[in-house]
Amino acid sequence: MKRVLQAPNLALATLWSDQLCAAGIDATVQRPYASSIAGEIPPDQSLPEVWVLDDAQLDAARKLLEEWRRLPWHHWLCRACGESVDGPFEQCWNCGAMRPA
């Protein structure tokens, strides 16, 4: 097992681990609840971490995470309802209309 990265919070650690698993890389979150003892231990040691189970997949996992960080972040206004939509969403969260091409 090798550590891929340290996450700023449990939600992101879980998301990244799940994304890696969906891409065929066995990953797990370690220290998910260590933040509860921050102060008793150094803060940087209480953050959750994403680990790969197979050492040979470490480079592939880091490469995928870096690619995902570089995905474009779009902001668009829904033509159907006028809602402001942020992020990589293809569909309006409010009315379900598709993002214009």
PDB file of N, CA and C in Angstrom:
ATOM      1  N   MET A   1       0.834  -1.175   0.000  1.00  0.00           N
ATOM      2  CA  MET A   1       0.000   0.000   0.000  1.00  0.00           C
ATOM      3  C   MET A   1       0.880   1.239   0.000  1.00  0.00           C
ATOM      4  N   LYS A   2       0.484   2.223  -0.817  1.00  0.00           N
ATOM      5  CA  LYS A   2       1.231   3.484  -0.889  1.00  0.00           C
ATOM      6  C   LYS A   2       0.260   4.653  -0.794  1.00  0.00           C
ATOM      7  N   ARG A   3       0.722   5.719  -0.147  1.00  0.00           N
ATOM      8  CA  ARG A   3      -0.094   6.925  -0.031  1.00  0.00           C
ATOM      9  C   ARG A   3      -0.048   7.716  -1.326  1.00  0.00           C
ATOM     10  N   VAL A   4      -1.218   8.072  -1.834  1.00  0.00           N
ATOM     11  CA  VAL A   4      -1.325   8.892  -3.042  1.00  0.00           C
ATOM     12  C   VAL A   4      -1.246  10.358  -2.659  1.00  0.00           C
ATOM     13  N   LEU A   5      -2.071  10.751  -1.683  1.00  0.00           N
ATOM     14  CA  LEU A   5      -2.091  12.145  -1.248  1.00  0.00           C
ATOM     15  C   LEU A   5      -2.822  12.292   0.066  1.00  0.00           C
ATOM     16  N   GLN A   6      -2.647  13.458   0.643  1.00  0.00           N
ATOM     17  CA  GLN A   6      -3.367  13.850   1.849  1.00  0.00           C
ATOM     18  C   GLN A   6      -4.476  14.792   1.394  1.00  0.00           C
ATOM     19  N   ALA A   7      -5.672  14.577   1.875  1.00  0.00           N
ATOM     20  CA  ALA A   7      -6.816  15.389   1.465  1.00  0.00           C
ATOM     21  C   ALA A   7      -7.135  16.445   2.517  1.00  0.00           C
ATOM     22  N   PRO A   8      -7.708  17.570   2.108  1.00  0.00           N
ATOM     23  CA  PRO A   8      -8.040  18.609   3.084  1.00  0.00           C
ATOM     24  C   PRO A   8      -9.225  18.254   3.977  1.00  0.00           C
ATOM     25  N   ASN A   9     -10.065  17.301   3.524  1.00  0.00           N
ATOM     26  CA  ASN A   9     -11.212  16.887   4.345  1.00  0.00           C
ATOM     27  C   ASN A   9     -11.679  15.502   3.911  1.00  0.00           C
ATOM     28  N   LEU A  10     -12.553  14.908   4.707  1.00  0.00           N
ATOM     29  CA  LEU A  10     -13.015  13.548   4.459  1.00  0.00           C
ATOM     30  C   LEU A  10     -13.859  13.453   3.190  1.00  0.00           C
ATOM     31  N   ALA A  11     -14.647  14.475   2.903  1.00  0.00           N
ATOM     32  CA  ALA A  11     -15.495  14.444   1.711  1.00  0.00           C
ATOM     33  C   ALA A  11     -14.651  14.315   0.447  1.00  0.00           C
ATOM     34  N   LEU A  12     -13.604  15.114   0.324  1.00  0.00           N
ATOM     35  CA  LEU A  12     -12.747  15.031  -0.864  1.00  0.00           C
ATOM     36  C   LEU A  12     -11.960  13.725  -0.900  1.00  0.00           C
ATOM     37  N   ALA A  13     -11.476  13.274   0.244  1.00  0.00           N
ATOM     38  CA  ALA A  13     -10.742  12.010   0.281  1.00  0.00           C
ATOM     39  C   ALA A  13     -11.623  10.869  -0.219  1.00  0.00           C
ATOM     40  N   THR A  14     -12.864  10.853   0.225  1.00  0.00           N
ATOM     41  CA  THR A  14     -13.798   9.810  -0.188  1.00  0.00           C
ATOM     42  C   THR A  14     -14.122   9.921  -1.671  1.00  0.00           C
ATOM     43  N   LEU A  15     -14.355  11.133  -2.143  1.00  0.00           N
ATOM     44  CA  LEU A  15     -14.636  11.345  -3.564  1.00  0.00           C
ATOM     45  C   LEU A  15     -13.478  10.872  -4.427  1.00  0.00           C
ATOM     46  N   TRP A  16     -12.261  11.277  -4.071  1.00  0.00           N
ATOM     47  CA  TRP A  16     -11.093  10.890  -4.870  1.00  0.00           C
ATOM     48  C   TRP A  16     -10.867   9.384  -4.832  1.00  0.00           C
ATOM     49  N   SER A  17     -11.046   8.786  -3.683  1.00  0.00           N
ATOM     50  CA  SER A  17     -10.891   7.330  -3.564  1.00  0.00           C
ATOM     51  C   SER A  17     -11.929   6.622  -4.431  1.00  0.00           C
ATOM     52  N   ASP A  18     -13.174   7.074  -4.383  1.00  0.00           N
ATOM     53  CA  ASP A  18     -14.233   6.474  -5.188  1.00  0.00           C
ATOM     54  C   ASP A  18     -13.968   6.637  -6.680  1.00  0.00           C
ATOM     55  N   GLN A  19     -13.460   7.805  -7.081  1.00  0.00           N
ATOM     56  CA  GLN A  19     -13.145   8.028  -8.491  1.00  0.00           C
ATOM     57  C   GLN A  19     -12.035   7.084  -8.954  1.00  0.00           C
ATOM     58  N   LEU A  20     -11.026   6.906  -8.139  1.00  0.00           N
ATOM     59  CA  LEU A  20      -9.941   5.991  -8.488  1.00  0.00           C
ATOM     60  C   LEU A  20     -10.461   4.566  -8.609  1.00  0.00           C
ATOM     61  N   CYS A  21     -11.308   4.154  -7.679  1.00  0.00           N
ATOM     62  CA  CYS A  21     -11.882   2.805  -7.748  1.00  0.00           C
ATOM     63  C   CYS A  21     -12.703   2.623  -9.020  1.00  0.00           C
ATOM     64  N   ALA A  22     -13.465   3.638  -9.394  1.00  0.00           N
ATOM     65  CA  ALA A  22     -14.262   3.570 -10.622  1.00  0.00           C
ATOM     66  C   ALA A  22     -13.383   3.483 -11.863  1.00  0.00           C
ATOM     67  N   ALA A  23     -12.157   4.008 -11.758  1.00  0.00           N
ATOM     68  CA  ALA A  23     -11.209   3.956 -12.881  1.00  0.00           C
ATOM     69  C   ALA A  23     -10.393   2.663 -12.869  1.00  0.00           C
ATOM     70  N   GLY A  24     -10.690   1.763 -11.942  1.00  0.00           N
ATOM     71  CA  GLY A  24     -10.002   0.486 -11.901  1.00  0.00           C
ATOM     72  C   GLY A  24      -8.779   0.433 -11.013  1.00  0.00           C
ATOM     73  N   ILE A  25      -8.599   1.451 -10.185  1.00  0.00           N
ATOM     74  CA  ILE A  25      -7.460   1.489  -9.264  1.00  0.00           C
ATOM     75  C   ILE A  25      -8.002   1.293  -7.848  1.00  0.00           C
ATOM     76  N   ASP A  26      -7.601   0.207  -7.209  1.00  0.00           N
ATOM     77  CA  ASP A  26      -8.071  -0.065  -5.853  1.00  0.00           C
ATOM     78  C   ASP A  26      -7.485   0.961  -4.892  1.00  0.00           C
ATOM     79  N   ALA A  27      -8.356   1.765  -4.300  1.00  0.00           N
ATOM     80  CA  ALA A  27      -7.926   2.828  -3.392  1.00  0.00           C
ATOM     81  C   ALA A  27      -8.776   2.794  -2.132  1.00  0.00           C
ATOM     82  N   THR A  28      -8.234   3.364  -1.074  1.00  0.00           N
ATOM     83  CA  THR A  28      -8.924   3.410   0.199  1.00  0.00           C
ATOM     84  C   THR A  28      -8.594   4.713   0.920  1.00  0.00           C
ATOM     85  N   VAL A  29      -9.457   5.105   1.839  1.00  0.00           N
ATOM     86  CA  VAL A  29      -9.222   6.289   2.663  1.00  0.00           C
ATOM     87  C   VAL A  29      -8.681   5.817   4.006  1.00  0.00           C
ATOM     88  N   GLN A  30      -7.566   6.372   4.407  1.00  0.00           N
ATOM     89  CA  GLN A  30      -6.972   6.072   5.701  1.00  0.00           C
ATOM     90  C   GLN A  30      -7.098   7.306   6.591  1.00  0.00           C
ATOM     91  N   ARG A  31      -7.175   7.108   7.880  1.00  0.00           N
ATOM     92  CA  ARG A  31      -7.327   8.161   8.896  1.00  0.00           C
ATOM     93  C   ARG A  31      -8.578   9.012   8.651  1.00  0.00           C
ATOM     94  N   PRO A  32      -9.714   8.385   8.357  1.00  0.00           N
ATOM     95  CA  PRO A  32     -10.899   9.190   8.046  1.00  0.00           C
ATOM     96  C   PRO A  32     -11.395  10.042   9.207  1.00  0.00           C
ATOM     97  N   TYR A  33     -11.175   9.607  10.432  1.00  0.00           N
ATOM     98  CA  TYR A  33     -11.719  10.335  11.568  1.00  0.00           C
ATOM     99  C   TYR A  33     -10.638  10.880  12.506  1.00  0.00           C
ATOM    100  N   ALA A  34      -9.421  10.943  12.018  1.00  0.00           N
ATOM    101  CA  ALA A  34      -8.329  11.438  12.854  1.00  0.00           C
ATOM    102  C   ALA A  34      -8.462  12.932  13.158  1.00  0.00           C
ATOM    103  N   SER A  35      -9.270  13.646  12.390  1.00  0.00           N
ATOM    104  CA  SER A  35      -9.439  15.080  12.653  1.00  0.00           C
ATOM    105  C   SER A  35     -10.042  15.322  14.028  1.00  0.00           C
ATOM    106  N   SER A  36     -10.710  14.330  14.576  1.00  0.00           N
ATOM    107  CA  SER A  36     -11.323  14.497  15.899  1.00  0.00           C
ATOM    108  C   SER A  36     -10.282  14.628  17.003  1.00  0.00           C
ATOM    109  N   ILE A  37      -9.027  14.246  16.720  1.00  0.00           N
ATOM    110  CA  ILE A  37      -7.979  14.382  17.730  1.00  0.00           C
ATOM    111  C   ILE A  37      -6.948  15.431  17.338  1.00  0.00           C
ATOM    112  N   ALA A  38      -7.306  16.294  16.375  1.00  0.00           N
ATOM    113  CA  ALA A  38      -6.412  17.403  16.020  1.00  0.00           C
ATOM    114  C   ALA A  38      -6.197  18.242  17.266  1.00  0.00           C
ATOM    115  N   GLY A  39      -4.977  18.605  17.510  1.00  0.00           N
ATOM    116  CA  GLY A  39      -4.624  19.301  18.742  1.00  0.00           C
ATOM    117  C   GLY A  39      -3.896  18.366  19.681  1.00  0.00           C
ATOM    118  N   GLU A  40      -4.359  17.121  19.692  1.00  0.00           N
ATOM    119  CA  GLU A  40      -3.649  16.087  20.445  1.00  0.00           C
ATOM    120  C   GLU A  40      -2.448  15.614  19.627  1.00  0.00           C
ATOM    121  N   ILE A  41      -2.629  15.645  18.309  1.00  0.00           N
ATOM    122  CA  ILE A  41      -1.546  15.327  17.377  1.00  0.00           C
ATOM    123  C   ILE A  41      -1.406  16.526  16.446  1.00  0.00           C
ATOM    124  N   PRO A  42      -0.286  16.675  15.751  1.00  0.00           N
ATOM    125  CA  PRO A  42      -0.140  17.807  14.834  1.00  0.00           C
ATOM    126  C   PRO A  42      -1.258  17.829  13.786  1.00  0.00           C
ATOM    127  N   PRO A  43      -1.770  19.011  13.453  1.00  0.00           N
ATOM    128  CA  PRO A  43      -2.882  19.113  12.505  1.00  0.00           C
ATOM    129  C   PRO A  43      -2.609  18.437  11.158  1.00  0.00           C
ATOM    130  N   ASP A  44      -1.383  18.528  10.667  1.00  0.00           N
ATOM    131  CA  ASP A  44      -1.091  17.915   9.373  1.00  0.00           C
ATOM    132  C   ASP A  44      -1.094  16.389   9.448  1.00  0.00           C
ATOM    133  N   GLN A  45      -1.123  15.838  10.637  1.00  0.00           N
ATOM    134  CA  GLN A  45      -1.169  14.386  10.779  1.00  0.00           C
ATOM    135  C   GLN A  45      -2.572  13.888  11.084  1.00  0.00           C
ATOM    136  N   SER A  46      -3.526  14.811  11.105  1.00  0.00           N
ATOM    137  CA  SER A  46      -4.905  14.420  11.388  1.00  0.00           C
ATOM    138  C   SER A  46      -5.790  14.486  10.149  1.00  0.00           C
ATOM    139  N   LEU A  47      -5.197  14.746   8.997  1.00  0.00           N
ATOM    140  CA  LEU A  47      -5.973  14.827   7.757  1.00  0.00           C
ATOM    141  C   LEU A  47      -6.146  13.442   7.142  1.00  0.00           C
ATOM    142  N   PRO A  48      -7.282  13.213   6.465  1.00  0.00           N
ATOM    143  CA  PRO A  48      -7.474  11.921   5.806  1.00  0.00           C
ATOM    144  C   PRO A  48      -6.521  11.774   4.616  1.00  0.00           C
ATOM    145  N   GLU A  49      -6.220  10.539   4.270  1.00  0.00           N
ATOM    146  CA  GLU A  49      -5.308  10.247   3.166  1.00  0.00           C
ATOM    147  C   GLU A  49      -5.928   9.231   2.227  1.00  0.00           C
ATOM    148  N   VAL A  50      -5.554   9.336   0.956  1.00  0.00           N
ATOM    149  CA  VAL A  50      -5.971   8.360  -0.047  1.00  0.00           C
ATOM    150  C   VAL A  50      -4.768   7.471  -0.342  1.00  0.00           C
ATOM    151  N   TRP A  51      -4.975   6.174  -0.254  1.00  0.00           N
ATOM    152  CA  TRP A  51      -3.917   5.191  -0.498  1.00  0.00           C
ATOM    153  C   TRP A  51      -4.360   4.233  -1.590  1.00  0.00           C
ATOM    154  N   VAL A  52      -3.401   3.744  -2.384  1.00  0.00           N
ATOM    155  CA  VAL A  52      -3.666   2.676  -3.343  1.00  0.00           C
ATOM    156  C   VAL A  52      -3.214   1.364  -2.718  1.00  0.00           C
ATOM    157  N   LEU A  53      -3.945   0.310  -2.995  1.00  0.00           N
ATOM    158  CA  LEU A  53      -3.628  -0.990  -2.419  1.00  0.00           C
ATOM    159  C   LEU A  53      -2.460  -1.659  -3.138  1.00  0.00           C
ATOM    160  N   ASP A  54      -2.358  -1.412  -4.449  1.00  0.00           N
ATOM    161  CA  ASP A  54      -1.285  -2.000  -5.256  1.00  0.00           C
ATOM    162  C   ASP A  54      -0.232  -0.923  -5.525  1.00  0.00           C
ATOM    163  N   ASP A  55       0.970  -1.125  -5.001  1.00  0.00           N
ATOM    164  CA  ASP A  55       2.050  -0.135  -5.166  1.00  0.00           C
ATOM    165  C   ASP A  55       2.298   0.225  -6.626  1.00  0.00           C
ATOM    166  N   ALA A  56       2.086  -0.723  -7.522  1.00  0.00           N
ATOM    167  CA  ALA A  56       2.343  -0.493  -8.941  1.00  0.00           C
ATOM    168  C   ALA A  56       1.356   0.504  -9.557  1.00  0.00           C
ATOM    169  N   GLN A  57       0.248   0.765  -8.880  1.00  0.00           N
ATOM    170  CA  GLN A  57      -0.756   1.689  -9.414  1.00  0.00           C
ATOM    171  C   GLN A  57      -0.597   3.119  -8.894  1.00  0.00           C
ATOM    172  N   LEU A  58       0.434   3.366  -8.109  1.00  0.00           N
ATOM    173  CA  LEU A  58       0.629   4.685  -7.513  1.00  0.00           C
ATOM    174  C   LEU A  58       0.767   5.780  -8.565  1.00  0.00           C
ATOM    175  N   ASP A  59       1.646   5.586  -9.536  1.00  0.00           N
ATOM    176  CA  ASP A  59       1.854   6.615 -10.564  1.00  0.00           C
ATOM    177  C   ASP A  59       0.596   6.857 -11.383  1.00  0.00           C
ATOM    178  N   ALA A  60      -0.120   5.795 -11.721  1.00  0.00           N
ATOM    179  CA  ALA A  60      -1.363   5.937 -12.490  1.00  0.00           C
ATOM    180  C   ALA A  60      -2.401   6.715 -11.684  1.00  0.00           C
ATOM    181  N   ALA A  61      -2.481   6.447 -10.392  1.00  0.00           N
ATOM    182  CA  ALA A  61      -3.439   7.156  -9.540  1.00  0.00           C
ATOM    183  C   ALA A  61      -3.106   8.646  -9.463  1.00  0.00           C
ATOM    184  N   ARG A  62      -1.853   8.956  -9.265  1.00  0.00           N
ATOM    185  CA  ARG A  62      -1.453  10.374  -9.195  1.00  0.00           C
ATOM    186  C   ARG A  62      -1.708  11.086 -10.519  1.00  0.00           C
ATOM    187  N   LYS A  63      -1.453  10.394 -11.622  1.00  0.00           N
ATOM    188  CA  LYS A  63      -1.673  10.986 -12.945  1.00  0.00           C
ATOM    189  C   LYS A  63      -3.168  11.267 -13.157  1.00  0.00           C
ATOM    190  N   LEU A  64      -4.030  10.314 -12.803  1.00  0.00           N
ATOM    191  CA  LEU A  64      -5.468  10.519 -12.963  1.00  0.00           C
ATOM    192  C   LEU A  64      -5.972  11.683 -12.110  1.00  0.00           C
ATOM    193  N   LEU A  65      -5.539  11.746 -10.870  1.00  0.00           N
ATOM    194  CA  LEU A  65      -5.970  12.843 -10.004  1.00  0.00           C
ATOM    195  C   LEU A  65      -5.521  14.190 -10.542  1.00  0.00           C
ATOM    196  N   GLU A  66      -4.333  14.249 -11.083  1.00  0.00           N
ATOM    197  CA  GLU A  66      -3.842  15.500 -11.670  1.00  0.00           C
ATOM    198  C   GLU A  66      -4.668  15.884 -12.901  1.00  0.00           C
ATOM    199  N   GLU A  67      -5.026  14.912 -13.730  1.00  0.00           N
ATOM    200  CA  GLU A  67      -5.868  15.183 -14.898  1.00  0.00           C
ATOM    201  C   GLU A  67      -7.233  15.707 -14.464  1.00  0.00           C
ATOM    202  N   TRP A  68      -7.803  15.103 -13.426  1.00  0.00           N
ATOM    203  CA  TRP A  68      -9.118  15.530 -12.953  1.00  0.00           C
ATOM    204  C   TRP A  68      -9.067  16.937 -12.385  1.00  0.00           C
ATOM    205  N   ARG A  69      -7.961  17.318 -11.776  1.00  0.00           N
ATOM    206  CA  ARG A  69      -7.835  18.676 -11.240  1.00  0.00           C
ATOM    207  C   ARG A  69      -7.793  19.717 -12.355  1.00  0.00           C
ATOM    208  N   ARG A  70      -7.375  19.324 -13.515  1.00  0.00           N
ATOM    209  CA  ARG A  70      -7.244  20.258 -14.641  1.00  0.00           C
ATOM    210  C   ARG A  70      -8.493  20.354 -15.506  1.00  0.00           C
ATOM    211  N   LEU A  71      -9.536  19.618 -15.171  1.00  0.00           N
ATOM    212  CA  LEU A  71     -10.762  19.694 -15.956  1.00  0.00           C
ATOM    213  C   LEU A  71     -11.305  21.116 -15.917  1.00  0.00           C
ATOM    214  N   PRO A  72     -11.840  21.593 -17.022  1.00  0.00           N
ATOM    215  CA  PRO A  72     -12.341  22.971 -17.044  1.00  0.00           C
ATOM    216  C   PRO A  72     -13.532  23.157 -16.105  1.00  0.00           C
ATOM    217  N   TRP A  73     -13.602  24.319 -15.520  1.00  0.00           N
ATOM    218  CA  TRP A  73     -14.685  24.682 -14.614  1.00  0.00           C
ATOM    219  C   TRP A  73     -15.531  25.714 -15.326  1.00  0.00           C
ATOM    220  N   HIS A  74     -16.734  25.346 -15.673  1.00  0.00           N
ATOM    221  CA  HIS A  74     -17.598  26.222 -16.465  1.00  0.00           C
ATOM    222  C   HIS A  74     -18.652  26.903 -15.602  1.00  0.00           C
ATOM    223  N   HIS A  75     -18.991  28.092 -16.005  1.00  0.00           N
ATOM    224  CA  HIS A  75     -20.113  28.809 -15.417  1.00  0.00           C
ATOM    225  C   HIS A  75     -21.045  29.133 -16.571  1.00  0.00           C
ATOM    226  N   TRP A  76     -22.317  28.794 -16.424  1.00  0.00           N
ATOM    227  CA  TRP A  76     -23.276  29.088 -17.482  1.00  0.00           C
ATOM    228  C   TRP A  76     -24.647  29.399 -16.903  1.00  0.00           C
ATOM    229  N   LEU A  77     -25.434  30.117 -17.671  1.00  0.00           N
ATOM    230  CA  LEU A  77     -26.802  30.454 -17.293  1.00  0.00           C
ATOM    231  C   LEU A  77     -27.752  29.571 -18.080  1.00  0.00           C
ATOM    232  N   CYS A  78     -28.676  28.968 -17.382  1.00  0.00           N
ATOM    233  CA  CYS A  78     -29.666  28.106 -18.024  1.00  0.00           C
ATOM    234  C   CYS A  78     -30.611  28.962 -18.857  1.00  0.00           C
ATOM    235  N   ARG A  79     -30.765  28.608 -20.123  1.00  0.00           N
ATOM    236  CA  ARG A  79     -31.666  29.358 -21.004  1.00  0.00           C
ATOM    237  C   ARG A  79     -33.126  29.112 -20.672  1.00  0.00           C
ATOM    238  N   ALA A  80     -33.422  27.969 -20.052  1.00  0.00           N
ATOM    239  CA  ALA A  80     -34.813  27.628 -19.753  1.00  0.00           C
ATOM    240  C   ALA A  80     -35.346  28.366 -18.517  1.00  0.00           C
ATOM    241  N   CYS A  81     -34.524  28.434 -17.449  1.00  0.00           N
ATOM    242  CA  CYS A  81     -35.034  29.026 -16.206  1.00  0.00           C
ATOM    243  C   CYS A  81     -34.187  30.188 -15.683  1.00  0.00           C
ATOM    244  N   GLY A  82     -33.024  30.441 -16.312  1.00  0.00           N
ATOM    245  CA  GLY A  82     -32.174  31.551 -15.896  1.00  0.00           C
ATOM    246  C   GLY A  82     -31.273  31.259 -14.707  1.00  0.00           C
ATOM    247  N   GLU A  83     -31.262  30.028 -14.241  1.00  0.00           N
ATOM    248  CA  GLU A  83     -30.447  29.656 -13.085  1.00  0.00           C
ATOM    249  C   GLU A  83     -28.961  29.721 -13.426  1.00  0.00           C
ATOM    250  N   SER A  84     -28.159  30.160 -12.479  1.00  0.00           N
ATOM    251  CA  SER A  84     -26.705  30.193 -12.625  1.00  0.00           C
ATOM    252  C   SER A  84     -26.164  28.834 -12.194  1.00  0.00           C
ATOM    253  N   VAL A  85     -25.400  28.184 -13.084  1.00  0.00           N
ATOM    254  CA  VAL A  85     -24.870  26.843 -12.824  1.00  0.00           C
ATOM    255  C   VAL A  85     -23.348  26.897 -12.891  1.00  0.00           C
ATOM    256  N   ASP A  86     -22.696  26.420 -11.835  1.00  0.00           N
ATOM    257  CA  ASP A  86     -21.236  26.380 -11.777  1.00  0.00           C
ATOM    258  C   ASP A  86     -20.750  24.948 -11.876  1.00  0.00           C
ATOM    259  N   GLY A  87     -19.518  24.816 -12.310  1.00  0.00           N
ATOM    260  CA  GLY A  87     -18.878  23.501 -12.313  1.00  0.00           C
ATOM    261  C   GLY A  87     -19.021  22.778 -13.634  1.00  0.00           C
ATOM    262  N   PRO A  88     -18.684  21.510 -13.630  1.00  0.00           N
ATOM    263  CA  PRO A  88     -18.675  20.737 -14.871  1.00  0.00           C
ATOM    264  C   PRO A  88     -20.035  20.137 -15.215  1.00  0.00           C
ATOM    265  N   PHE A  89     -21.113  20.700 -14.665  1.00  0.00           N
ATOM    266  CA  PHE A  89     -22.432  20.121 -14.870  1.00  0.00           C
ATOM    267  C   PHE A  89     -22.933  20.344 -16.289  1.00  0.00           C
ATOM    268  N   GLU A  90     -23.485  19.301 -16.863  1.00  0.00           N
ATOM    269  CA  GLU A  90     -24.029  19.346 -18.224  1.00  0.00           C
ATOM    270  C   GLU A  90     -25.518  19.673 -18.221  1.00  0.00           C
ATOM    271  N   GLN A  91     -26.114  19.647 -17.027  1.00  0.00           N
ATOM    272  CA  GLN A  91     -27.547  19.817 -16.915  1.00  0.00           C
ATOM    273  C   GLN A  91     -27.852  20.787 -15.776  1.00  0.00           C
ATOM    274  N   CYS A  92     -28.874  21.601 -15.950  1.00  0.00           N
ATOM    275  CA  CYS A  92     -29.292  22.553 -14.917  1.00  0.00           C
ATOM    276  C   CYS A  92     -29.844  21.788 -13.719  1.00  0.00           C
ATOM    277  N   TRP A  93     -29.354  22.117 -12.542  1.00  0.00           N
ATOM    278  CA  TRP A  93     -29.821  21.432 -11.335  1.00  0.00           C
ATOM    279  C   TRP A  93     -31.254  21.835 -10.980  1.00  0.00           C
ATOM    280  N   ASN A  94     -31.681  23.009 -11.452  1.00  0.00           N
ATOM    281  CA  ASN A  94     -32.988  23.535 -11.089  1.00  0.00           C
ATOM    282  C   ASN A  94     -34.118  22.981 -11.962  1.00  0.00           C
ATOM    283  N   CYS A  95     -33.912  22.967 -13.293  1.00  0.00           N
ATOM    284  CA  CYS A  95     -35.011  22.559 -14.173  1.00  0.00           C
ATOM    285  C   CYS A  95     -34.678  21.343 -15.037  1.00  0.00           C
ATOM    286  N   GLY A  96     -33.405  20.940 -15.062  1.00  0.00           N
ATOM    287  CA  GLY A  96     -33.042  19.748 -15.829  1.00  0.00           C
ATOM    288  C   GLY A  96     -32.672  19.999 -17.276  1.00  0.00           C
ATOM    289  N   ALA A  97     -32.713  21.267 -17.720  1.00  0.00           N
ATOM    290  CA  ALA A  97     -32.360  21.579 -19.109  1.00  0.00           C
ATOM    291  C   ALA A  97     -30.863  21.335 -19.330  1.00  0.00           C
ATOM    292  N   MET A  98     -30.522  20.923 -20.541  1.00  0.00           N
ATOM    293  CA  MET A  98     -29.135  20.653 -20.878  1.00  0.00           C
ATOM    294  C   MET A  98     -28.388  21.966 -21.109  1.00  0.00           C
ATOM    295  N   ARG A  99     -27.069  21.944 -20.822  1.00  0.00           N
ATOM    296  CA  ARG A  99     -26.215  23.106 -21.049  1.00  0.00           C
ATOM    297  C   ARG A  99     -26.142  23.375 -22.547  1.00  0.00           C
ATOM    298  N   PRO A 100     -26.206  24.647 -22.956  1.00  0.00           N
ATOM    299  CA  PRO A 100     -26.109  24.952 -24.398  1.00  0.00           C
ATOM    300  C   PRO A 100     -24.722  24.593 -24.930  1.00  0.00           C
ATOM    301  N   ALA A 101     -24.683  24.178 -26.152  1.00  0.00           N
ATOM    302  CA  ALA A 101     -23.411  23.771 -26.786  1.00  0.00           C
ATOM    303  C   ALA A 101     -22.503  24.935 -27.053  1.00  0.00           C
TER     304      ALA A 101
END
